[in-house]
């Protein structure tokens, strides 16, 4: 829904796309269990979605282990850089403050309780 609502770009790597659930599977007498797909979901167009495909980012950034071990977060750094760029291009405009309410008068139609 993030992409559909156009809330902003997605930064990172494609999700793995495994979304079919395997809940409520019976266990065997020896403690093992059977795993079978039991559910999935469909998109806003009524088609089965994402399974095996995943969600692609708008800005792909690989989270390489070497950078992470050095204390860096390439995806977070790229996301912050993009957010700052978008803030410069789309400066936030404050809405004007509304008139203050008059609290000393009772609302029209007010009836005092007995």
C-alpha atoms as a PDB file:
ATOM      1  CA  UNK A   1       0.000   0.000   0.000  1.00  0.00           C
ATOM      2  CA  UNK A   2       3.006   2.296   0.493  1.00  0.00           C
ATOM      3  CA  UNK A   3       3.559   2.406  -3.276  1.00  0.00           C
ATOM      4  CA  UNK A   4      -0.141   2.650  -4.113  1.00  0.00           C
ATOM      5  CA  UNK A   5      -0.601   5.641  -1.814  1.00  0.00           C
ATOM      6  CA  UNK A   6       2.641   7.201  -3.140  1.00  0.00           C
ATOM      7  CA  UNK A   7       3.916   7.891   0.379  1.00  0.00           C
ATOM      8  CA  UNK A   8       7.528   7.940  -0.759  1.00  0.00           C
ATOM      9  CA  UNK A   9      10.221   5.829  -2.382  1.00  0.00           C
ATOM     10  CA  UNK A  10      11.167   2.393  -1.092  1.00  0.00           C
ATOM     11  CA  UNK A  11      14.918   2.042  -0.502  1.00  0.00           C
ATOM     12  CA  UNK A  12      16.656  -1.336  -0.145  1.00  0.00           C
ATOM     13  CA  UNK A  13      16.498  -4.676  -1.942  1.00  0.00           C
ATOM     14  CA  UNK A  14      13.648  -6.728  -3.363  1.00  0.00           C
ATOM     15  CA  UNK A  15      11.759  -8.697  -0.716  1.00  0.00           C
ATOM     16  CA  UNK A  16      11.980 -12.471  -1.031  1.00  0.00           C
ATOM     17  CA  UNK A  17       8.309 -12.855  -1.961  1.00  0.00           C
ATOM     18  CA  UNK A  18       7.356 -15.794   0.250  1.00  0.00           C
ATOM     19  CA  UNK A  19       3.986 -14.900   1.679  1.00  0.00           C
ATOM     20  CA  UNK A  20       1.915 -18.069   1.622  1.00  0.00           C
ATOM     21  CA  UNK A  21       1.313 -19.159   5.198  1.00  0.00           C
ATOM     22  CA  UNK A  22       1.841 -22.661   6.575  1.00  0.00           C
ATOM     23  CA  UNK A  23      -0.081 -22.337   9.843  1.00  0.00           C
ATOM     24  CA  UNK A  24      -2.239 -24.940  11.525  1.00  0.00           C
ATOM     25  CA  UNK A  25      -0.324 -27.946  10.204  1.00  0.00           C
ATOM     26  CA  UNK A  26      -0.685 -31.218  12.126  1.00  0.00           C
ATOM     27  CA  UNK A  27       2.194 -32.746  14.042  1.00  0.00           C
ATOM     28  CA  UNK A  28       3.046 -36.422  13.691  1.00  0.00           C
ATOM     29  CA  UNK A  29       3.217 -38.952  16.512  1.00  0.00           C
ATOM     30  CA  UNK A  30       7.045 -38.901  16.391  1.00  0.00           C
ATOM     31  CA  UNK A  31       7.197 -35.102  16.904  1.00  0.00           C
ATOM     32  CA  UNK A  32       7.731 -34.223  13.241  1.00  0.00           C
ATOM     33  CA  UNK A  33       5.214 -32.210  11.323  1.00  0.00           C
ATOM     34  CA  UNK A  34       3.869 -31.703   7.861  1.00  0.00           C
ATOM     35  CA  UNK A  35       4.226 -28.287   6.242  1.00  0.00           C
ATOM     36  CA  UNK A  36       1.817 -27.399   3.485  1.00  0.00           C
ATOM     37  CA  UNK A  37       0.844 -24.008   2.054  1.00  0.00           C
ATOM     38  CA  UNK A  38      -2.507 -22.895   3.431  1.00  0.00           C
ATOM     39  CA  UNK A  39      -3.108 -19.316   2.434  1.00  0.00           C
ATOM     40  CA  UNK A  40      -2.073 -16.326   0.419  1.00  0.00           C
ATOM     41  CA  UNK A  41      -3.470 -12.977  -0.563  1.00  0.00           C
ATOM     42  CA  UNK A  42      -4.587 -11.041  -3.589  1.00  0.00           C
ATOM     43  CA  UNK A  43      -3.951  -7.466  -4.688  1.00  0.00           C
ATOM     44  CA  UNK A  44      -6.342  -4.551  -5.187  1.00  0.00           C
ATOM     45  CA  UNK A  45      -7.017  -5.796  -8.740  1.00  0.00           C
ATOM     46  CA  UNK A  46      -8.218  -9.163  -7.409  1.00  0.00           C
ATOM     47  CA  UNK A  47      -5.167 -11.133  -8.623  1.00  0.00           C
ATOM     48  CA  UNK A  48      -2.942 -13.375  -6.500  1.00  0.00           C
ATOM     49  CA  UNK A  49       0.037 -11.249  -5.584  1.00  0.00           C
ATOM     50  CA  UNK A  50       3.695 -11.184  -4.611  1.00  0.00           C
ATOM     51  CA  UNK A  51       4.329 -14.892  -3.941  1.00  0.00           C
ATOM     52  CA  UNK A  52       7.666 -15.694  -5.519  1.00  0.00           C
ATOM     53  CA  UNK A  53       8.017 -12.143  -6.865  1.00  0.00           C
ATOM     54  CA  UNK A  54       8.474  -9.828  -3.896  1.00  0.00           C
ATOM     55  CA  UNK A  55       8.356  -6.052  -3.805  1.00  0.00           C
ATOM     56  CA  UNK A  56      10.984  -4.165  -5.783  1.00  0.00           C
ATOM     57  CA  UNK A  57      12.481  -1.006  -4.279  1.00  0.00           C
ATOM     58  CA  UNK A  58      12.461   2.305  -6.088  1.00  0.00           C
ATOM     59  CA  UNK A  59      16.106   2.801  -5.102  1.00  0.00           C
ATOM     60  CA  UNK A  60      18.092  -0.430  -4.883  1.00  0.00           C
ATOM     61  CA  UNK A  61      20.809  -0.506  -2.220  1.00  0.00           C
ATOM     62  CA  UNK A  62      22.635  -3.716  -1.317  1.00  0.00           C
ATOM     63  CA  UNK A  63      23.212  -4.196   2.415  1.00  0.00           C
ATOM     64  CA  UNK A  64      26.694  -5.663   2.116  1.00  0.00           C
ATOM     65  CA  UNK A  65      28.024  -7.464   5.228  1.00  0.00           C
ATOM     66  CA  UNK A  66      31.423  -5.713   5.178  1.00  0.00           C
ATOM     67  CA  UNK A  67      29.815  -2.253   5.541  1.00  0.00           C
ATOM     68  CA  UNK A  68      27.478  -3.479   8.261  1.00  0.00           C
ATOM     69  CA  UNK A  69      30.365  -5.037  10.226  1.00  0.00           C
ATOM     70  CA  UNK A  70      32.140  -1.664  10.016  1.00  0.00           C
ATOM     71  CA  UNK A  71      29.127  -0.043  11.672  1.00  0.00           C
ATOM     72  CA  UNK A  72      27.577   1.410   8.517  1.00  0.00           C
ATOM     73  CA  UNK A  73      24.045   0.935   7.225  1.00  0.00           C
ATOM     74  CA  UNK A  74      24.061   1.548   3.450  1.00  0.00           C
ATOM     75  CA  UNK A  75      20.272   1.280   3.136  1.00  0.00           C
ATOM     76  CA  UNK A  76      19.580   3.697   5.986  1.00  0.00           C
ATOM     77  CA  UNK A  77      22.204   6.125   4.686  1.00  0.00           C
ATOM     78  CA  UNK A  78      20.686   6.034   1.182  1.00  0.00           C
ATOM     79  CA  UNK A  79      17.171   6.491   2.591  1.00  0.00           C
ATOM     80  CA  UNK A  80      18.208   9.523   4.670  1.00  0.00           C
ATOM     81  CA  UNK A  81      20.025  11.026   1.668  1.00  0.00           C
ATOM     82  CA  UNK A  82      16.891  10.571  -0.472  1.00  0.00           C
ATOM     83  CA  UNK A  83      14.625  11.987   2.256  1.00  0.00           C
ATOM     84  CA  UNK A  84      16.800  15.099   2.564  1.00  0.00           C
ATOM     85  CA  UNK A  85      16.781  15.516  -1.220  1.00  0.00           C
ATOM     86  CA  UNK A  86      12.993  15.251  -1.308  1.00  0.00           C
ATOM     87  CA  UNK A  87      12.647  17.757   1.537  1.00  0.00           C
ATOM     88  CA  UNK A  88      14.668  20.310  -0.436  1.00  0.00           C
ATOM     89  CA  UNK A  89      12.558  19.779  -3.561  1.00  0.00           C
ATOM     90  CA  UNK A  90       9.195  19.665  -1.745  1.00  0.00           C
ATOM     91  CA  UNK A  91       9.435  22.141   1.083  1.00  0.00           C
ATOM     92  CA  UNK A  92       6.779  21.647   3.734  1.00  0.00           C
ATOM     93  CA  UNK A  93       4.176  24.425   3.809  1.00  0.00           C
ATOM     94  CA  UNK A  94       2.461  25.108   7.099  1.00  0.00           C
ATOM     95  CA  UNK A  95      -1.282  25.633   6.952  1.00  0.00           C
ATOM     96  CA  UNK A  96      -2.519  28.876   8.484  1.00  0.00           C
ATOM     97  CA  UNK A  97      -3.638  28.605  12.084  1.00  0.00           C
ATOM     98  CA  UNK A  98      -7.442  28.703  12.453  1.00  0.00           C
ATOM     99  CA  UNK A  99      -9.212  31.364  14.478  1.00  0.00           C
ATOM    100  CA  UNK A 100      -9.193  30.653  18.180  1.00  0.00           C
ATOM    101  CA  UNK A 101     -12.502  29.295  19.512  1.00  0.00           C
ATOM    102  CA  UNK A 102     -14.640  31.468  21.784  1.00  0.00           C
ATOM    103  CA  UNK A 103     -14.920  29.453  24.963  1.00  0.00           C
ATOM    104  CA  UNK A 104     -16.748  32.013  27.100  1.00  0.00           C
ATOM    105  CA  UNK A 105     -20.104  31.523  25.339  1.00  0.00           C
ATOM    106  CA  UNK A 106     -22.310  28.457  25.415  1.00  0.00           C
ATOM    107  CA  UNK A 107     -22.928  26.769  22.054  1.00  0.00           C
ATOM    108  CA  UNK A 108     -26.157  27.622  20.238  1.00  0.00           C
ATOM    109  CA  UNK A 109     -28.928  25.244  21.328  1.00  0.00           C
ATOM    110  CA  UNK A 110     -27.242  24.415  24.658  1.00  0.00           C
ATOM    111  CA  UNK A 111     -29.682  23.293  27.385  1.00  0.00           C
ATOM    112  CA  UNK A 112     -28.653  23.396  30.999  1.00  0.00           C
ATOM    113  CA  UNK A 113     -29.102  20.102  32.927  1.00  0.00           C
ATOM    114  CA  UNK A 114     -31.569  20.135  35.831  1.00  0.00           C
END
